Amino acid sequence: MKANLSALALLAVSMPFTLCATTYLDVTGDSSTVASLDITSVVVNNDATTLNLQINLAGNPLSPDWVKCLIGFDTVTGGNTTGPDAWGKPIFMSAGGTDFFVGSWMDSGTGAEVRSWSGSSWDAVAGSGIAVGTGASSVTLSLNLSAMGLSEGSTFNFDIYTTSDGNSALDAAGSSTALTWNNNPYDSSPNVLSYTVTAVPEPGALSLAGLGTLLLAWRAKQRKA
């Protein structure tokens, strides 16, 4: 029995912690004829320090490689309510305002930047830890929660856009309105998305919870034996 319990304890300690994720679906086919501009869904999760946003697309973001994925965040009152965004595109949130901007690019090597609204300009955010990952039909952007003043329990509004050089939003995760090549103003406010930063249990608590579950299963098995 001791050997069995030791094995259970070792297994519980090694059990991985799966992040809880929130999925936001978007209508397929509400963008231009380029599949990699068409957002199908967005999956958001966080750990103790990092916010992760996986942008799922109808096509490969590297083919063509000029696709841009942008994110507008409304984290506090008093952001940019009229645009333009940090890249000069007429994209904004008329209610609440955009406080932080993330811009990512797929050409010339993937990359991204984070900027914050000072009240009069978009300034680079130091220590954002921004990282970009690409899949066959997805772009994942990760950044430090602290860079945007977020922590456990923080709720913020956001929207995600695909675009290209010289265009405004060509698809938006929060809207099913069909968009095509344009440089028209785009206001996210009527269809803004919302996310709350979830609590992440301490590793010790996770191990104890896992061990408890395994012990209950072991005892049930012993009773049947």
Protein backbone atom coordinates (compact mmCIF):
# COMPACT_ATOMS: atom_id res chain seq x y z
CA MET A 1 0.00 0.00 0.00
CA LYS A 2 2.80 2.43 0.83
CA ALA A 3 4.39 1.81 -2.54
CA ASN A 4 1.08 2.45 -4.25
CA LEU A 5 0.53 5.70 -2.33
CA SER A 6 4.06 6.86 -3.15
CA ALA A 7 3.40 6.26 -6.81
CA LEU A 8 0.15 8.19 -6.55
CA ALA A 9 1.90 11.10 -4.87
CA LEU A 10 4.55 11.21 -7.58
CA LEU A 11 1.89 11.15 -10.28
CA ALA A 12 -0.05 13.97 -8.62
CA VAL A 13 3.02 16.20 -8.43
CA SER A 14 3.74 15.61 -12.10
CA MET A 15 0.17 16.28 -13.24
CA PRO A 16 0.11 19.25 -15.66
CA PHE A 17 -2.15 22.21 -14.97
CA THR A 18 -4.49 22.89 -17.89
CA LEU A 19 -5.39 26.55 -18.30
CA CYS A 20 -9.07 27.38 -18.51
CA ALA A 21 -9.79 29.07 -21.81
CA THR A 22 -12.59 31.23 -23.19
CA THR A 23 -13.50 30.79 -26.85
CA TYR A 24 -15.11 33.54 -28.93
CA LEU A 25 -16.61 32.36 -32.22
CA ASP A 26 -16.72 34.52 -35.33
CA VAL A 27 -18.74 34.01 -38.48
CA THR A 28 -16.70 32.46 -41.29
CA GLY A 29 -16.85 34.22 -44.63
CA ASP A 30 -17.42 37.75 -43.27
CA SER A 31 -14.08 39.00 -44.57
CA SER A 32 -12.43 39.57 -47.96
CA THR A 33 -11.70 36.75 -50.37
CA VAL A 34 -8.30 36.08 -48.69
CA ALA A 35 -8.87 33.18 -46.26
CA SER A 36 -6.05 34.18 -43.91
CA LEU A 37 -7.85 37.47 -43.20
CA ASP A 38 -10.99 35.62 -42.08
CA ILE A 39 -11.15 35.12 -38.29
CA THR A 40 -13.03 31.95 -37.31
CA SER A 41 -12.55 32.11 -33.53
CA VAL A 42 -10.35 33.49 -30.77
CA VAL A 43 -9.23 31.50 -27.72
CA VAL A 44 -8.03 33.46 -24.68
CA ASN A 45 -6.41 32.16 -21.50
CA ASN A 46 -3.91 33.27 -18.90
CA ASP A 47 -1.45 31.92 -16.36
CA ALA A 48 -0.11 33.85 -13.38
CA THR A 49 1.89 36.27 -15.54
CA THR A 50 0.89 35.94 -19.18
CA LEU A 51 -2.15 36.62 -21.35
CA ASN A 52 -2.45 34.38 -24.43
CA LEU A 53 -4.70 35.05 -27.41
CA GLN A 54 -4.92 32.45 -30.18
CA ILE A 55 -6.45 33.91 -33.33
CA ASN A 56 -7.83 31.12 -35.52
CA LEU A 57 -8.13 31.89 -39.23
CA ALA A 58 -9.69 30.27 -42.27
CA GLY A 59 -6.27 30.17 -43.97
CA ASN A 60 -2.54 30.11 -43.38
CA PRO A 61 -1.34 33.46 -41.94
CA LEU A 62 1.99 33.03 -43.74
CA SER A 63 0.40 32.58 -47.16
CA PRO A 64 0.23 35.36 -48.15
CA ASP A 65 2.64 36.69 -45.55
CA TRP A 66 1.41 40.30 -45.46
CA VAL A 67 -1.45 39.56 -43.05
CA LYS A 68 -1.54 41.78 -39.95
CA CYS A 69 -3.34 40.86 -36.71
CA LEU A 70 -4.20 43.78 -34.42
CA ILE A 71 -5.74 43.92 -30.95
CA GLY A 72 -7.40 46.85 -29.24
CA PHE A 73 -7.78 46.69 -25.44
CA ASP A 74 -10.05 48.74 -23.20
CA THR A 75 -8.70 48.16 -19.69
CA VAL A 76 -9.51 51.44 -17.93
CA THR A 77 -11.68 54.49 -18.51
CA GLY A 78 -10.21 57.22 -20.67
CA GLY A 79 -8.69 55.61 -23.75
CA ASN A 80 -8.64 56.68 -27.39
CA THR A 81 -12.28 56.96 -28.53
CA THR A 82 -11.86 58.37 -32.03
CA GLY A 83 -8.78 56.77 -33.59
CA PRO A 84 -6.56 56.38 -35.38
CA ASP A 85 -4.89 53.38 -33.79
CA ALA A 86 -1.14 53.16 -33.24
CA TRP A 87 -0.55 52.28 -36.90
CA GLY A 88 -2.64 55.17 -38.21
CA LYS A 89 -5.62 53.02 -39.15
CA PRO A 90 -9.15 54.37 -38.44
CA ILE A 91 -9.93 51.65 -35.87
CA PHE A 92 -11.21 52.61 -32.42
CA MET A 93 -13.66 52.07 -29.55
CA SER A 94 -15.97 55.05 -29.21
CA ALA A 95 -17.23 53.82 -25.81
CA GLY A 96 -14.58 53.20 -23.18
CA GLY A 97 -11.72 53.90 -25.53
CA THR A 98 -8.68 51.89 -26.60
CA ASP A 99 -5.96 51.96 -23.93
CA PHE A 100 -3.53 49.42 -25.37
CA PHE A 101 -2.75 48.40 -28.92
CA VAL A 102 -1.03 45.24 -30.14
CA GLY A 103 0.12 45.11 -33.74
CA SER A 104 1.64 41.98 -35.29
CA TRP A 105 3.05 41.25 -38.72
CA MET A 106 3.85 38.05 -40.61
CA ASP A 107 6.19 39.39 -43.30
CA SER A 108 9.98 39.81 -43.03
CA GLY A 109 9.93 37.48 -40.03
CA THR A 110 7.03 37.54 -37.60
CA GLY A 111 6.98 40.27 -35.00
CA ALA A 112 4.74 42.40 -32.80
CA GLU A 113 4.67 45.50 -30.63
CA VAL A 114 2.58 46.87 -27.76
CA ARG A 115 1.67 50.55 -27.41
CA SER A 116 -0.38 52.46 -24.84
CA TRP A 117 -2.47 55.62 -25.23
CA SER A 118 -1.01 58.52 -23.25
CA GLY A 119 -3.94 60.84 -23.95
CA SER A 120 -2.28 62.37 -26.96
CA SER A 121 -0.01 59.71 -28.50
CA TRP A 122 0.65 55.98 -28.77
CA ASP A 123 3.78 55.17 -26.76
CA ALA A 124 5.82 51.96 -26.81
CA VAL A 125 5.31 49.75 -23.74
CA ALA A 126 8.52 48.53 -22.11
CA GLY A 127 8.61 45.03 -20.67
CA SER A 128 5.57 43.82 -22.60
CA GLY A 129 7.16 40.42 -23.29
CA ILE A 130 5.20 40.25 -26.53
CA ALA A 131 5.70 37.02 -28.46
CA VAL A 132 4.22 35.73 -31.72
CA GLY A 133 3.56 32.14 -32.74
CA THR A 134 2.02 30.86 -35.96
CA GLY A 135 0.27 27.62 -36.87
CA ALA A 136 -1.20 26.26 -40.07
CA SER A 137 -4.28 28.46 -39.53
CA SER A 138 -3.60 30.52 -36.43
CA VAL A 139 -1.62 33.34 -34.88
CA THR A 140 -0.94 33.32 -31.13
CA LEU A 141 0.02 36.50 -29.31
CA SER A 142 1.27 36.38 -25.71
CA LEU A 143 2.18 39.30 -23.46
CA ASN A 144 2.77 40.12 -19.83
CA LEU A 145 -0.37 40.91 -17.84
CA SER A 146 1.54 43.47 -15.77
CA ALA A 147 2.41 45.46 -18.91
CA MET A 148 -1.25 46.42 -19.17
CA GLY A 149 -1.82 46.77 -15.44
CA LEU A 150 -3.85 43.53 -15.32
CA SER A 151 -3.95 40.94 -12.54
CA GLU A 152 -6.20 38.22 -11.15
CA GLY A 153 -9.84 39.31 -11.35
CA SER A 154 -9.24 42.13 -13.86
CA THR A 155 -11.92 42.39 -16.54
CA PHE A 156 -11.22 44.11 -19.83
CA ASN A 157 -12.86 44.63 -23.21
CA PHE A 158 -11.08 43.93 -26.46
CA ASP A 159 -11.43 43.25 -30.15
CA ILE A 160 -9.17 41.63 -32.72
CA TYR A 161 -8.80 42.72 -36.32
CA THR A 162 -7.09 41.41 -39.43
CA THR A 163 -5.82 43.88 -41.97
CA SER A 164 -3.14 44.58 -44.57
CA ASP A 165 -0.99 47.54 -45.47
CA GLY A 166 -3.15 50.48 -46.54
CA ASN A 167 -6.45 49.09 -45.25
CA SER A 168 -8.69 49.45 -42.23
CA ALA A 169 -10.23 46.40 -40.48
CA LEU A 170 -10.88 43.61 -43.00
CA ASP A 171 -12.37 41.35 -40.34
CA ALA A 172 -13.17 41.80 -36.64
CA ALA A 173 -13.64 39.04 -34.09
CA GLY A 174 -16.51 40.87 -32.43
CA SER A 175 -18.61 41.44 -35.54
CA SER A 176 -20.30 39.32 -38.22
CA THR A 177 -20.69 42.26 -40.61
CA ALA A 178 -19.08 41.43 -43.93
CA LEU A 179 -16.04 43.56 -44.72
CA THR A 180 -13.98 43.85 -47.86
CA TRP A 181 -11.02 45.95 -49.00
CA ASN A 182 -11.56 49.36 -47.42
CA ASN A 183 -10.06 52.17 -45.41
CA ASN A 184 -13.29 53.04 -43.62
CA PRO A 185 -13.52 53.91 -39.91
CA TYR A 186 -14.25 50.85 -37.79
CA ASP A 187 -15.78 51.16 -34.31
CA SER A 188 -15.66 48.04 -32.10
CA SER A 189 -17.87 49.40 -29.34
CA PRO A 190 -21.19 47.83 -30.47
CA ASN A 191 -19.62 44.35 -30.54
CA VAL A 192 -16.76 44.48 -28.05
CA LEU A 193 -15.57 41.22 -26.43
CA SER A 194 -14.85 40.82 -22.71
CA TYR A 195 -12.47 38.64 -20.66
CA THR A 196 -11.72 38.27 -16.95
CA VAL A 197 -8.23 37.25 -15.82
CA THR A 198 -8.68 33.96 -13.97
CA ALA A 199 -7.03 32.88 -10.74
CA VAL A 200 -4.21 30.37 -11.12
CA PRO A 201 -3.79 27.90 -8.22
CA GLU A 202 -0.38 27.56 -6.58
CA PRO A 203 1.59 24.46 -7.69
CA GLY A 204 1.32 22.97 -4.18
CA ALA A 205 -2.46 23.30 -4.20
CA LEU A 206 -2.62 21.66 -7.60
CA SER A 207 -0.55 18.72 -6.37
CA LEU A 208 -2.74 18.24 -3.29
CA ALA A 209 -5.90 18.43 -5.36
CA GLY A 210 -4.51 15.92 -7.83
CA LEU A 211 -3.38 13.59 -5.05
CA GLY A 212 -6.81 13.78 -3.40
CA THR A 213 -8.53 12.83 -6.64
CA LEU A 214 -6.18 9.92 -7.22
CA LEU A 215 -6.57 8.67 -3.63
CA LEU A 216 -10.35 8.64 -3.98
CA ALA A 217 -10.05 6.65 -7.17
CA TRP A 218 -7.57 4.23 -5.53
CA ARG A 219 -9.84 3.66 -2.54
CA ALA A 220 -12.82 3.02 -4.77
CA LYS A 221 -10.76 0.46 -6.66
CA GLN A 222 -9.69 -1.25 -3.40
CA ARG A 223 -13.29 -1.58 -2.28
CA LYS A 224 -14.18 -3.38 -5.48
CA ALA A 225 -11.20 -5.73 -5.20
